[in-house]
Amino acid sequence: MGKLVVSLDGVVIKEVQITKDKTTLGRRPYNDIVIDNLAVSGEHAVLQMVGADVFIEDLNSTNGTYINGKAIKKQLLADNDTVEIGKYKIKFLLNDGGDYEKTMILKPGAGAPPNLGLTSSFGSLGTTAPIGPASIKVLTGAAAGREVALTKVVTTLGKPGVQVASITKRPTGYVFAHVEGGQRPSVNGIPLTGESIALRTGDLIELAGTQMQFIQG
């Protein structure tokens, strides 16, 4: 999915491949990425892999976590982002072979806006996207009856700070994943136990007290 290159004063100290759903970073020896420096908290930050995305979350550290010079609490990492913790810089790099989602966004024609609508987007992707267009229909709540087309590679749903989930479009289909919130969303009445689940047309999703249906084709 990606790797982290840790450096101090321009000298690369270590490179870490992101392979787990959660990768912890801090001064304590039990962290996945250990940075033994007093500017780094014992449990400083955590990287969470959701589908093809990697989020970084500051764990109420003493000196904070910065991305490209700005303090963050939780943020999605983009290719070449630089995470700063104390004097350490950690560059996030996407693997060349693993970012097919990025290719799918860039495919719809030179200079064309990425938000082209379902027909033109999927039509121009050709054989790289055998899956058909899909949408989410809201069944309950204030937005009942509304249908949201899944035109992006990653669509986030829910209420920030309460419960958030994502639907990621992959060459093999659509994948539903939990992003944040103490309570996990459910699919067909079953709470999500793992990090993600493949969606099938007609699946009923319950998220932040709202019911919705996944429709494909």
N, C-alpha and C. Protein backbone atom coordinates (compact mmCIF):
# COMPACT_ATOMS: atom_id res chain seq x y z
N MET A 1 0.82 -1.21 0.00
CA MET A 1 0.00 0.00 0.00
C MET A 1 0.86 1.27 0.00
N GLY A 2 1.99 1.20 0.70
CA GLY A 2 2.85 2.37 0.79
C GLY A 2 3.96 2.12 1.76
N LYS A 3 4.88 3.08 1.85
CA LYS A 3 5.97 2.93 2.82
C LYS A 3 6.28 4.27 3.45
N LEU A 4 6.94 4.21 4.59
CA LEU A 4 7.36 5.40 5.33
C LEU A 4 8.88 5.45 5.34
N VAL A 5 9.42 6.61 5.02
CA VAL A 5 10.87 6.82 5.05
C VAL A 5 11.16 7.81 6.18
N VAL A 6 11.80 7.31 7.25
CA VAL A 6 12.07 8.14 8.43
C VAL A 6 13.47 8.75 8.30
N SER A 7 13.55 10.07 8.46
CA SER A 7 14.85 10.73 8.36
C SER A 7 15.03 11.76 9.48
N LEU A 8 16.28 12.05 9.79
CA LEU A 8 16.66 13.05 10.77
C LEU A 8 17.78 13.89 10.18
N ASP A 9 17.54 15.21 10.10
CA ASP A 9 18.53 16.14 9.50
C ASP A 9 18.94 15.69 8.10
N GLY A 10 17.96 15.19 7.33
CA GLY A 10 18.23 14.81 5.95
C GLY A 10 18.85 13.44 5.76
N VAL A 11 19.11 12.74 6.87
CA VAL A 11 19.71 11.40 6.79
C VAL A 11 18.63 10.35 7.04
N VAL A 12 18.45 9.44 6.09
CA VAL A 12 17.43 8.40 6.22
C VAL A 12 17.85 7.39 7.29
N ILE A 13 16.96 7.19 8.28
CA ILE A 13 17.26 6.28 9.39
C ILE A 13 16.68 4.90 9.13
N LYS A 14 15.43 4.89 8.64
CA LYS A 14 14.79 3.59 8.38
C LYS A 14 13.67 3.76 7.36
N GLU A 15 13.34 2.65 6.71
CA GLU A 15 12.19 2.59 5.82
C GLU A 15 11.27 1.49 6.32
N VAL A 16 9.99 1.81 6.39
CA VAL A 16 9.01 0.85 6.91
C VAL A 16 7.88 0.67 5.90
N GLN A 17 7.64 -0.58 5.51
CA GLN A 17 6.53 -0.90 4.59
C GLN A 17 5.24 -0.98 5.40
N ILE A 18 4.18 -0.37 4.92
CA ILE A 18 2.89 -0.43 5.62
C ILE A 18 2.15 -1.67 5.13
N THR A 19 2.05 -2.67 6.00
CA THR A 19 1.41 -3.93 5.62
C THR A 19 0.25 -4.28 6.55
N LYS A 20 0.19 -3.65 7.74
CA LYS A 20 -0.84 -4.00 8.72
C LYS A 20 -1.98 -2.99 8.67
N ASP A 21 -3.14 -3.41 9.21
CA ASP A 21 -4.28 -2.49 9.29
C ASP A 21 -3.96 -1.30 10.19
N LYS A 22 -3.20 -1.58 11.27
CA LYS A 22 -2.81 -0.50 12.18
C LYS A 22 -1.31 -0.58 12.44
N THR A 23 -0.62 0.55 12.29
CA THR A 23 0.81 0.64 12.54
C THR A 23 1.03 1.74 13.57
N THR A 24 1.58 1.39 14.73
CA THR A 24 1.77 2.37 15.80
C THR A 24 3.17 2.99 15.72
N LEU A 25 3.25 4.23 16.19
CA LEU A 25 4.50 4.99 16.13
C LEU A 25 4.71 5.70 17.46
N GLY A 26 5.90 5.55 18.04
CA GLY A 26 6.16 6.22 19.31
C GLY A 26 7.52 5.86 19.88
N ARG A 27 7.76 6.33 21.11
CA ARG A 27 9.06 6.13 21.75
C ARG A 27 9.17 4.76 22.43
N ARG A 28 8.05 4.21 22.87
CA ARG A 28 8.08 2.92 23.59
C ARG A 28 8.50 1.77 22.66
N PRO A 29 9.23 0.79 23.18
CA PRO A 29 9.78 -0.27 22.35
C PRO A 29 8.73 -1.19 21.71
N TYR A 30 7.48 -1.20 22.23
CA TYR A 30 6.47 -2.10 21.66
C TYR A 30 5.79 -1.52 20.42
N ASN A 31 6.11 -0.28 20.05
CA ASN A 31 5.52 0.29 18.84
C ASN A 31 6.07 -0.38 17.59
N ASP A 32 5.29 -0.33 16.50
CA ASP A 32 5.75 -0.88 15.22
C ASP A 32 6.92 -0.06 14.67
N ILE A 33 6.81 1.28 14.83
CA ILE A 33 7.89 2.18 14.44
C ILE A 33 8.36 2.90 15.70
N VAL A 34 9.57 2.56 16.15
CA VAL A 34 10.11 3.13 17.39
C VAL A 34 11.05 4.28 17.06
N ILE A 35 10.75 5.47 17.62
CA ILE A 35 11.65 6.62 17.50
C ILE A 35 12.05 7.02 18.92
N ASP A 36 13.26 6.66 19.28
CA ASP A 36 13.75 6.86 20.65
C ASP A 36 14.25 8.29 20.82
N ASN A 37 13.31 9.19 21.07
CA ASN A 37 13.66 10.60 21.23
C ASN A 37 12.66 11.22 22.19
N LEU A 38 13.12 12.09 23.08
CA LEU A 38 12.25 12.67 24.10
C LEU A 38 11.15 13.56 23.50
N ALA A 39 11.34 14.04 22.28
CA ALA A 39 10.31 14.86 21.63
C ALA A 39 9.14 14.01 21.16
N VAL A 40 9.35 12.69 21.14
CA VAL A 40 8.32 11.76 20.68
C VAL A 40 7.65 11.12 21.90
N SER A 41 6.31 11.13 21.92
CA SER A 41 5.58 10.53 23.04
C SER A 41 5.68 9.01 22.99
N GLY A 42 5.41 8.38 24.13
CA GLY A 42 5.48 6.92 24.22
C GLY A 42 4.59 6.25 23.19
N GLU A 43 3.36 6.73 23.07
CA GLU A 43 2.43 6.30 22.01
C GLU A 43 2.04 7.58 21.28
N HIS A 44 2.74 7.90 20.23
CA HIS A 44 2.62 9.22 19.60
C HIS A 44 1.51 9.29 18.55
N ALA A 45 1.48 8.32 17.64
CA ALA A 45 0.51 8.35 16.54
C ALA A 45 0.26 6.94 16.05
N VAL A 46 -0.83 6.77 15.30
CA VAL A 46 -1.15 5.48 14.71
C VAL A 46 -1.53 5.69 13.24
N LEU A 47 -1.06 4.78 12.40
CA LEU A 47 -1.44 4.79 10.99
C LEU A 47 -2.44 3.67 10.77
N GLN A 48 -3.57 4.01 10.16
CA GLN A 48 -4.64 3.04 9.94
C GLN A 48 -4.88 2.88 8.45
N MET A 49 -4.85 1.64 8.00
CA MET A 49 -5.09 1.35 6.59
C MET A 49 -6.56 0.99 6.41
N VAL A 50 -7.25 1.77 5.58
CA VAL A 50 -8.67 1.54 5.29
C VAL A 50 -8.81 1.37 3.79
N GLY A 51 -9.02 0.13 3.37
CA GLY A 51 -9.05 -0.12 1.92
C GLY A 51 -7.69 0.21 1.34
N ALA A 52 -7.68 1.13 0.39
CA ALA A 52 -6.41 1.54 -0.23
C ALA A 52 -5.85 2.81 0.40
N ASP A 53 -6.54 3.33 1.40
CA ASP A 53 -6.14 4.60 2.01
C ASP A 53 -5.37 4.37 3.31
N VAL A 54 -4.50 5.32 3.65
CA VAL A 54 -3.78 5.29 4.92
C VAL A 54 -4.06 6.60 5.66
N PHE A 55 -4.65 6.48 6.84
CA PHE A 55 -4.91 7.64 7.69
C PHE A 55 -3.86 7.66 8.80
N ILE A 56 -3.48 8.86 9.25
CA ILE A 56 -2.62 8.98 10.43
C ILE A 56 -3.38 9.76 11.49
N GLU A 57 -3.31 9.30 12.73
CA GLU A 57 -4.02 9.94 13.83
C GLU A 57 -3.06 10.20 14.98
N ASP A 58 -3.05 11.44 15.46
CA ASP A 58 -2.23 11.80 16.62
C ASP A 58 -2.91 11.28 17.88
N LEU A 59 -2.16 10.62 18.76
CA LEU A 59 -2.73 10.03 19.97
C LEU A 59 -2.54 10.94 21.17
N ASN A 60 -3.00 12.19 21.02
CA ASN A 60 -2.87 13.20 22.09
C ASN A 60 -1.43 13.33 22.56
N SER A 61 -0.50 13.36 21.61
CA SER A 61 0.92 13.43 21.95
C SER A 61 1.26 14.79 22.55
N THR A 62 2.38 14.85 23.27
CA THR A 62 2.80 16.09 23.93
C THR A 62 3.15 17.17 22.92
N ASN A 63 3.92 16.81 21.90
CA ASN A 63 4.42 17.81 20.95
C ASN A 63 3.66 17.85 19.62
N GLY A 64 2.66 16.98 19.48
CA GLY A 64 1.81 17.03 18.28
C GLY A 64 2.40 16.32 17.07
N THR A 65 1.54 16.13 16.08
CA THR A 65 1.92 15.51 14.80
C THR A 65 1.60 16.51 13.70
N TYR A 66 2.53 16.72 12.80
CA TYR A 66 2.36 17.70 11.73
C TYR A 66 2.48 17.02 10.37
N ILE A 67 1.66 17.48 9.41
CA ILE A 67 1.79 17.03 8.03
C ILE A 67 2.03 18.26 7.16
N ASN A 68 3.16 18.25 6.48
CA ASN A 68 3.55 19.38 5.62
C ASN A 68 3.48 20.71 6.36
N GLY A 69 3.89 20.68 7.64
CA GLY A 69 3.97 21.91 8.43
C GLY A 69 2.72 22.28 9.20
N LYS A 70 1.63 21.52 9.04
CA LYS A 70 0.36 21.85 9.72
C LYS A 70 0.02 20.78 10.74
N ALA A 71 -0.38 21.24 11.95
CA ALA A 71 -0.76 20.29 13.00
C ALA A 71 -2.05 19.58 12.61
N ILE A 72 -2.10 18.27 12.88
CA ILE A 72 -3.29 17.49 12.53
C ILE A 72 -3.72 16.64 13.73
N LYS A 73 -4.99 16.25 13.71
CA LYS A 73 -5.49 15.27 14.66
C LYS A 73 -5.62 13.92 13.96
N LYS A 74 -6.32 13.95 12.81
CA LYS A 74 -6.43 12.75 11.98
C LYS A 74 -6.55 13.20 10.54
N GLN A 75 -5.78 12.57 9.66
CA GLN A 75 -5.78 13.00 8.26
C GLN A 75 -5.42 11.85 7.34
N LEU A 76 -6.00 11.91 6.15
CA LEU A 76 -5.67 10.95 5.09
C LEU A 76 -4.32 11.33 4.49
N LEU A 77 -3.42 10.36 4.36
CA LEU A 77 -2.10 10.64 3.80
C LEU A 77 -2.13 10.55 2.28
N ALA A 78 -1.49 11.51 1.63
CA ALA A 78 -1.34 11.50 0.18
C ALA A 78 0.11 11.20 -0.17
N ASP A 79 0.33 10.74 -1.39
CA ASP A 79 1.69 10.42 -1.84
C ASP A 79 2.61 11.62 -1.65
N ASN A 80 3.78 11.40 -1.08
CA ASN A 80 4.81 12.42 -0.84
C ASN A 80 4.52 13.36 0.33
N ASP A 81 3.46 13.09 1.11
CA ASP A 81 3.24 13.87 2.32
C ASP A 81 4.40 13.66 3.29
N THR A 82 4.77 14.73 4.01
CA THR A 82 5.82 14.63 5.01
C THR A 82 5.22 14.80 6.40
N VAL A 83 5.32 13.75 7.22
CA VAL A 83 4.86 13.80 8.61
C VAL A 83 6.04 14.25 9.47
N GLU A 84 5.79 15.25 10.33
CA GLU A 84 6.86 15.77 11.19
C GLU A 84 6.53 15.48 12.65
N ILE A 85 7.44 14.80 13.32
CA ILE A 85 7.31 14.50 14.75
C ILE A 85 8.62 14.89 15.41
N GLY A 86 8.58 15.96 16.19
CA GLY A 86 9.83 16.50 16.73
C GLY A 86 10.73 16.94 15.60
N LYS A 87 11.99 16.50 15.61
CA LYS A 87 12.93 16.84 14.53
C LYS A 87 12.94 15.79 13.42
N TYR A 88 12.10 14.78 13.59
CA TYR A 88 12.07 13.69 12.62
C TYR A 88 11.07 13.99 11.51
N LYS A 89 11.46 13.62 10.29
CA LYS A 89 10.57 13.76 9.15
C LYS A 89 10.29 12.36 8.59
N ILE A 90 9.01 12.08 8.35
CA ILE A 90 8.60 10.77 7.83
C ILE A 90 7.85 10.99 6.53
N LYS A 91 8.45 10.58 5.43
CA LYS A 91 7.83 10.77 4.11
C LYS A 91 6.99 9.55 3.77
N PHE A 92 5.73 9.81 3.34
CA PHE A 92 4.83 8.73 2.94
C PHE A 92 4.90 8.58 1.43
N LEU A 93 5.24 7.38 0.97
CA LEU A 93 5.36 7.11 -0.48
C LEU A 93 4.48 5.94 -0.86
N LEU A 94 3.69 6.13 -1.90
CA LEU A 94 2.87 5.03 -2.42
C LEU A 94 3.74 4.11 -3.26
N ASN A 95 3.47 2.82 -3.17
CA ASN A 95 4.20 1.87 -4.00
C ASN A 95 3.78 2.02 -5.45
N ASP A 96 4.74 1.86 -6.35
CA ASP A 96 4.44 1.99 -7.78
C ASP A 96 3.41 0.97 -8.24
N GLY A 97 3.50 -0.24 -7.73
CA GLY A 97 2.64 -1.30 -8.25
C GLY A 97 1.30 -1.40 -7.57
N GLY A 98 1.09 -0.71 -6.45
CA GLY A 98 -0.11 -0.97 -5.68
C GLY A 98 -1.17 0.11 -5.73
N ASP A 99 -1.00 1.13 -6.52
CA ASP A 99 -1.97 2.23 -6.46
C ASP A 99 -2.84 2.29 -7.71
N TYR A 100 -3.52 1.17 -7.98
CA TYR A 100 -4.38 1.15 -9.16
C TYR A 100 -5.53 2.14 -9.02
N GLU A 101 -5.96 2.42 -7.77
CA GLU A 101 -7.04 3.40 -7.60
C GLU A 101 -6.64 4.77 -8.14
N LYS A 102 -5.38 5.13 -7.88
CA LYS A 102 -4.89 6.42 -8.37
C LYS A 102 -4.92 6.45 -9.90
N THR A 103 -4.53 5.35 -10.53
CA THR A 103 -4.55 5.27 -11.99
C THR A 103 -5.97 5.42 -12.51
N MET A 104 -6.91 4.81 -11.79
CA MET A 104 -8.30 4.87 -12.24
C MET A 104 -8.84 6.29 -12.20
N ILE A 105 -8.40 7.09 -11.26
CA ILE A 105 -8.86 8.48 -11.21
C ILE A 105 -8.28 9.26 -12.37
N LEU A 106 -7.03 9.03 -12.65
CA LEU A 106 -6.35 9.85 -13.65
C LEU A 106 -6.71 9.43 -15.07
N LYS A 107 -7.30 8.23 -15.24
CA LYS A 107 -7.56 7.71 -16.57
C LYS A 107 -8.52 8.55 -17.44
N PRO A 108 -9.61 9.17 -16.86
CA PRO A 108 -10.63 9.74 -17.76
C PRO A 108 -10.18 10.91 -18.64
N GLY A 109 -9.11 10.81 -19.38
CA GLY A 109 -8.79 11.78 -20.44
C GLY A 109 -7.93 12.94 -19.99
N ALA A 110 -7.15 13.48 -20.91
CA ALA A 110 -6.22 14.57 -20.58
C ALA A 110 -6.97 15.84 -20.28
N GLY A 111 -6.66 16.43 -19.13
CA GLY A 111 -7.23 17.72 -18.78
C GLY A 111 -8.70 17.66 -18.39
N ALA A 112 -9.30 16.48 -18.44
CA ALA A 112 -10.72 16.39 -18.10
C ALA A 112 -10.88 16.40 -16.59
N PRO A 113 -11.94 17.03 -16.08
CA PRO A 113 -12.15 17.01 -14.64
C PRO A 113 -12.45 15.59 -14.18
N PRO A 114 -11.97 15.20 -12.99
CA PRO A 114 -12.17 13.82 -12.55
C PRO A 114 -13.63 13.49 -12.30
N ASN A 115 -14.47 14.50 -12.02
CA ASN A 115 -15.86 14.27 -11.71
C ASN A 115 -16.71 14.27 -12.97
N LEU A 116 -16.57 13.26 -13.81
CA LEU A 116 -17.21 13.28 -15.12
C LEU A 116 -18.59 12.65 -15.14
N GLY A 117 -19.01 12.07 -14.02
CA GLY A 117 -20.27 11.33 -14.05
C GLY A 117 -19.99 9.88 -14.38
N LEU A 118 -20.93 9.02 -14.04
CA LEU A 118 -20.67 7.59 -14.10
C LEU A 118 -20.40 7.07 -15.51
N THR A 119 -21.21 7.46 -16.48
CA THR A 119 -21.09 6.87 -17.81
C THR A 119 -19.74 7.18 -18.44
N SER A 120 -19.37 8.46 -18.44
CA SER A 120 -18.11 8.83 -19.10
C SER A 120 -16.91 8.30 -18.33
N SER A 121 -16.99 8.30 -16.99
CA SER A 121 -15.85 7.82 -16.20
C SER A 121 -15.61 6.35 -16.47
N PHE A 122 -16.68 5.56 -16.34
CA PHE A 122 -16.49 4.12 -16.48
C PHE A 122 -16.21 3.75 -17.92
N GLY A 123 -16.83 4.49 -18.86
CA GLY A 123 -16.61 4.19 -20.28
C GLY A 123 -15.17 4.40 -20.68
N SER A 124 -14.53 5.43 -20.15
CA SER A 124 -13.17 5.73 -20.56
C SER A 124 -12.14 4.85 -19.87
N LEU A 125 -12.57 4.14 -18.81
CA LEU A 125 -11.61 3.28 -18.11
C LEU A 125 -11.37 1.97 -18.86
N GLY A 126 -12.32 1.59 -19.70
CA GLY A 126 -12.13 0.39 -20.50
C GLY A 126 -11.97 -0.85 -19.66
N THR A 127 -11.02 -1.69 -20.01
CA THR A 127 -10.88 -2.99 -19.35
C THR A 127 -10.31 -2.87 -17.95
N THR A 128 -9.83 -1.71 -17.53
CA THR A 128 -9.27 -1.61 -16.18
C THR A 128 -10.36 -1.58 -15.12
N ALA A 129 -11.62 -1.33 -15.50
CA ALA A 129 -12.70 -1.28 -14.53
C ALA A 129 -13.88 -2.12 -15.01
N PRO A 130 -13.78 -3.45 -14.83
CA PRO A 130 -14.85 -4.31 -15.31
C PRO A 130 -16.14 -4.16 -14.51
N ILE A 131 -16.06 -3.58 -13.31
CA ILE A 131 -17.26 -3.46 -12.48
C ILE A 131 -18.15 -2.33 -12.98
N GLY A 132 -19.44 -2.48 -12.75
CA GLY A 132 -20.41 -1.48 -13.21
C GLY A 132 -20.58 -0.36 -12.20
N PRO A 133 -21.32 0.68 -12.58
CA PRO A 133 -21.56 1.79 -11.67
C PRO A 133 -22.42 1.36 -10.49
N ALA A 134 -22.29 2.08 -9.39
CA ALA A 134 -23.04 1.72 -8.19
C ALA A 134 -23.47 2.99 -7.47
N SER A 135 -24.40 2.82 -6.53
CA SER A 135 -24.88 3.96 -5.75
C SER A 135 -25.36 3.48 -4.39
N ILE A 136 -25.56 4.45 -3.50
CA ILE A 136 -26.10 4.19 -2.18
C ILE A 136 -27.44 4.90 -2.08
N LYS A 137 -28.50 4.17 -1.70
CA LYS A 137 -29.82 4.77 -1.52
C LYS A 137 -30.11 4.87 -0.04
N VAL A 138 -30.41 6.10 0.43
CA VAL A 138 -30.71 6.33 1.85
C VAL A 138 -32.16 5.92 2.11
N LEU A 139 -32.36 5.05 3.11
CA LEU A 139 -33.70 4.51 3.38
C LEU A 139 -34.39 5.19 4.56
N THR A 140 -33.61 5.69 5.54
CA THR A 140 -34.22 6.30 6.72
C THR A 140 -33.57 7.65 7.01
N GLY A 141 -34.21 8.40 7.93
CA GLY A 141 -33.64 9.68 8.34
C GLY A 141 -34.07 10.83 7.45
N ALA A 142 -33.47 11.99 7.69
CA ALA A 142 -33.85 13.22 6.98
C ALA A 142 -33.60 13.13 5.48
N ALA A 143 -32.61 12.33 5.08
CA ALA A 143 -32.25 12.25 3.65
C ALA A 143 -32.87 11.03 2.98
N ALA A 144 -33.90 10.43 3.58
CA ALA A 144 -34.52 9.22 3.04
C ALA A 144 -34.96 9.44 1.59
N GLY A 145 -34.66 8.46 0.75
CA GLY A 145 -35.03 8.55 -0.66
C GLY A 145 -33.91 9.09 -1.54
N ARG A 146 -32.90 9.70 -0.92
CA ARG A 146 -31.79 10.26 -1.69
C ARG A 146 -30.87 9.15 -2.18
N GLU A 147 -30.39 9.29 -3.39
CA GLU A 147 -29.46 8.30 -3.95
C GLU A 147 -28.13 8.98 -4.26
N VAL A 148 -27.05 8.40 -3.76
CA VAL A 148 -25.71 8.97 -3.94
C VAL A 148 -24.91 8.06 -4.87
N ALA A 149 -24.52 8.59 -6.03
CA ALA A 149 -23.73 7.80 -6.98
C ALA A 149 -22.29 7.70 -6.48
N LEU A 150 -21.71 6.50 -6.56
CA LEU A 150 -20.34 6.26 -6.10
C LEU A 150 -19.38 6.52 -7.26
N THR A 151 -19.17 7.81 -7.54
CA THR A 151 -18.33 8.18 -8.68
C THR A 151 -16.85 8.27 -8.30
N LYS A 152 -16.55 8.40 -7.01
CA LYS A 152 -15.16 8.53 -6.58
C LYS A 152 -14.56 7.15 -6.30
N VAL A 153 -13.24 7.10 -6.24
CA VAL A 153 -12.57 5.86 -5.86
C VAL A 153 -12.91 5.52 -4.41
N VAL A 154 -12.91 6.55 -3.55
CA VAL A 154 -13.28 6.36 -2.14
C VAL A 154 -14.39 7.35 -1.80
N THR A 155 -15.53 6.84 -1.31
CA THR A 155 -16.63 7.68 -0.85
C THR A 155 -16.77 7.47 0.64
N THR A 156 -16.72 8.57 1.42
CA THR A 156 -16.90 8.45 2.87
C THR A 156 -18.33 8.80 3.24
N LEU A 157 -18.87 8.06 4.20
CA LEU A 157 -20.25 8.23 4.66
C LEU A 157 -20.28 8.33 6.17
N GLY A 158 -21.31 9.00 6.72
CA GLY A 158 -21.48 9.03 8.16
C GLY A 158 -21.37 10.42 8.75
N LYS A 159 -21.16 10.45 10.06
CA LYS A 159 -21.06 11.71 10.80
C LYS A 159 -19.67 11.79 11.43
N PRO A 160 -18.83 12.76 10.99
CA PRO A 160 -17.49 12.90 11.58
C PRO A 160 -17.56 13.04 13.09
N GLY A 161 -16.68 12.31 13.77
CA GLY A 161 -16.66 12.35 15.23
C GLY A 161 -17.63 11.38 15.87
N VAL A 162 -18.59 10.86 15.11
CA VAL A 162 -19.57 9.90 15.63
C VAL A 162 -19.31 8.52 15.03
N GLN A 163 -19.51 8.42 13.72
CA GLN A 163 -19.28 7.15 13.03
C GLN A 163 -19.08 7.45 11.55
N VAL A 164 -17.95 7.01 11.02
CA VAL A 164 -17.63 7.24 9.61
C VAL A 164 -17.18 5.92 8.99
N ALA A 165 -17.65 5.67 7.76
CA ALA A 165 -17.23 4.49 7.01
C ALA A 165 -16.88 4.91 5.59
N SER A 166 -16.24 4.03 4.85
CA SER A 166 -15.86 4.35 3.48
C SER A 166 -16.25 3.21 2.55
N ILE A 167 -16.53 3.57 1.29
CA ILE A 167 -16.75 2.57 0.24
C ILE A 167 -15.68 2.82 -0.82
N THR A 168 -14.83 1.82 -1.05
CA THR A 168 -13.72 1.93 -1.99
C THR A 168 -14.02 1.12 -3.24
N LYS A 169 -13.84 1.76 -4.39
CA LYS A 169 -14.05 1.07 -5.68
C LYS A 169 -12.75 0.42 -6.09
N ARG A 170 -12.77 -0.89 -6.28
CA ARG A 170 -11.60 -1.63 -6.71
C ARG A 170 -11.92 -2.36 -8.02
N PRO A 171 -10.90 -2.83 -8.73
CA PRO A 171 -11.17 -3.55 -9.99
C PRO A 171 -12.07 -4.77 -9.79
N THR A 172 -12.07 -5.33 -8.59
CA THR A 172 -12.85 -6.55 -8.34
C THR A 172 -14.24 -6.25 -7.78
N GLY A 173 -14.51 -5.01 -7.38
CA GLY A 173 -15.80 -4.68 -6.79
C GLY A 173 -15.68 -3.56 -5.78
N TYR A 174 -16.74 -3.39 -4.97
CA TYR A 174 -16.78 -2.31 -3.98
C TYR A 174 -16.56 -2.89 -2.59
N VAL A 175 -15.75 -2.18 -1.79
CA VAL A 175 -15.40 -2.66 -0.45
C VAL A 175 -15.83 -1.62 0.58
N PHE A 176 -16.51 -2.09 1.63
CA PHE A 176 -17.02 -1.23 2.70
C PHE A 176 -16.11 -1.37 3.91
N ALA A 177 -15.68 -0.24 4.52
CA ALA A 177 -14.74 -0.30 5.65
C ALA A 177 -15.11 0.71 6.73
N HIS A 178 -14.81 0.35 7.96
CA HIS A 178 -14.99 1.24 9.11
C HIS A 178 -13.81 2.21 9.19
N VAL A 179 -14.10 3.51 9.36
CA VAL A 179 -13.03 4.51 9.45
C VAL A 179 -12.88 5.03 10.87
N GLU A 180 -13.97 5.51 11.48
CA GLU A 180 -13.85 6.00 12.85
C GLU A 180 -15.18 5.85 13.57
N GLY A 181 -15.11 5.91 14.91
CA GLY A 181 -16.30 5.76 15.74
C GLY A 181 -16.21 4.53 16.61
N GLY A 182 -16.67 4.64 17.86
CA GLY A 182 -16.59 3.51 18.78
C GLY A 182 -17.47 2.35 18.36
N GLN A 183 -18.63 2.65 17.78
CA GLN A 183 -19.54 1.59 17.34
C GLN A 183 -19.31 1.31 15.86
N ARG A 184 -19.26 0.05 15.52
CA ARG A 184 -18.99 -0.31 14.12
C ARG A 184 -20.30 -0.35 13.33
N PRO A 185 -20.24 0.02 12.05
CA PRO A 185 -21.43 -0.07 11.20
C PRO A 185 -21.79 -1.53 10.94
N SER A 186 -23.00 -1.77 10.46
CA SER A 186 -23.40 -3.15 10.17
C SER A 186 -23.82 -3.29 8.71
N VAL A 187 -23.64 -4.49 8.18
CA VAL A 187 -24.08 -4.85 6.83
C VAL A 187 -25.02 -6.03 6.96
N ASN A 188 -26.27 -5.84 6.49
CA ASN A 188 -27.31 -6.88 6.61
C ASN A 188 -27.51 -7.31 8.06
N GLY A 189 -27.43 -6.31 8.97
CA GLY A 189 -27.70 -6.56 10.38
C GLY A 189 -26.54 -7.13 11.16
N ILE A 190 -25.41 -7.38 10.50
CA ILE A 190 -24.24 -7.96 11.18
C ILE A 190 -23.15 -6.89 11.32
N PRO A 191 -22.75 -6.55 12.56
CA PRO A 191 -21.70 -5.53 12.75
C PRO A 191 -20.41 -5.95 12.06
N LEU A 192 -19.72 -4.96 11.49
CA LEU A 192 -18.46 -5.21 10.79
C LEU A 192 -17.39 -5.60 11.82
N THR A 193 -16.88 -6.82 11.72
CA THR A 193 -15.88 -7.28 12.71
C THR A 193 -14.46 -7.04 12.21
N GLY A 194 -14.22 -7.27 10.92
CA GLY A 194 -12.89 -7.02 10.37
C GLY A 194 -12.75 -5.57 9.93
N GLU A 195 -11.71 -5.29 9.16
CA GLU A 195 -11.48 -3.93 8.69
C GLU A 195 -12.37 -3.58 7.50
N SER A 196 -12.73 -4.57 6.68
CA SER A 196 -13.52 -4.27 5.49
C SER A 196 -14.30 -5.49 5.04
N ILE A 197 -15.31 -5.26 4.18
CA ILE A 197 -16.12 -6.35 3.64
C ILE A 197 -16.53 -6.00 2.21
N ALA A 198 -16.57 -7.01 1.34
CA ALA A 198 -16.99 -6.78 -0.04
C ALA A 198 -18.50 -6.59 -0.07
N LEU A 199 -18.97 -5.62 -0.86
CA LEU A 199 -20.40 -5.34 -0.96
C LEU A 199 -21.01 -6.03 -2.16
N ARG A 200 -22.27 -6.48 -1.99
CA ARG A 200 -23.04 -7.03 -3.10
C ARG A 200 -24.31 -6.22 -3.25
N THR A 201 -24.84 -6.16 -4.46
CA THR A 201 -26.02 -5.35 -4.69
C THR A 201 -27.17 -5.80 -3.80
N GLY A 202 -27.86 -4.83 -3.21
CA GLY A 202 -28.97 -5.12 -2.30
C GLY A 202 -28.56 -5.14 -0.84
N ASP A 203 -27.25 -5.11 -0.54
CA ASP A 203 -26.80 -5.12 0.85
C ASP A 203 -27.36 -3.91 1.61
N LEU A 204 -27.81 -4.16 2.84
CA LEU A 204 -28.34 -3.10 3.70
C LEU A 204 -27.26 -2.67 4.68
N ILE A 205 -26.96 -1.39 4.69
CA ILE A 205 -25.92 -0.83 5.56
C ILE A 205 -26.59 0.04 6.63
N GLU A 206 -26.16 -0.11 7.86
CA GLU A 206 -26.62 0.79 8.93
C GLU A 206 -25.42 1.53 9.49
N LEU A 207 -25.48 2.87 9.42
CA LEU A 207 -24.33 3.70 9.79
C LEU A 207 -24.83 4.96 10.46
N ALA A 208 -24.34 5.24 11.67
CA ALA A 208 -24.70 6.45 12.42
C ALA A 208 -26.22 6.61 12.52
N GLY A 209 -26.92 5.48 12.74
CA GLY A 209 -28.36 5.52 12.93
C GLY A 209 -29.17 5.62 11.64
N THR A 210 -28.51 5.58 10.50
CA THR A 210 -29.20 5.68 9.21
C THR A 210 -29.05 4.38 8.44
N GLN A 211 -30.16 3.95 7.83
CA GLN A 211 -30.12 2.75 7.00
C GLN A 211 -30.01 3.15 5.53
N MET A 212 -29.19 2.41 4.78
CA MET A 212 -29.03 2.68 3.37
C MET A 212 -28.79 1.37 2.63
N GLN A 213 -29.01 1.39 1.32
CA GLN A 213 -28.87 0.18 0.53
C GLN A 213 -27.85 0.39 -0.58
N PHE A 214 -26.98 -0.62 -0.75
CA PHE A 214 -25.98 -0.59 -1.81
C PHE A 214 -26.60 -1.18 -3.08
N ILE A 215 -26.55 -0.43 -4.18
CA ILE A 215 -27.14 -0.89 -5.45
C ILE A 215 -26.06 -0.81 -6.54
N GLN A 216 -25.85 -1.92 -7.21
CA GLN A 216 -24.86 -1.94 -8.29
C GLN A 216 -25.49 -2.41 -9.59
N GLY A 217 -25.14 -1.74 -10.69
CA GLY A 217 -25.65 -2.13 -12.00
C GLY A 217 -26.95 -1.41 -12.35
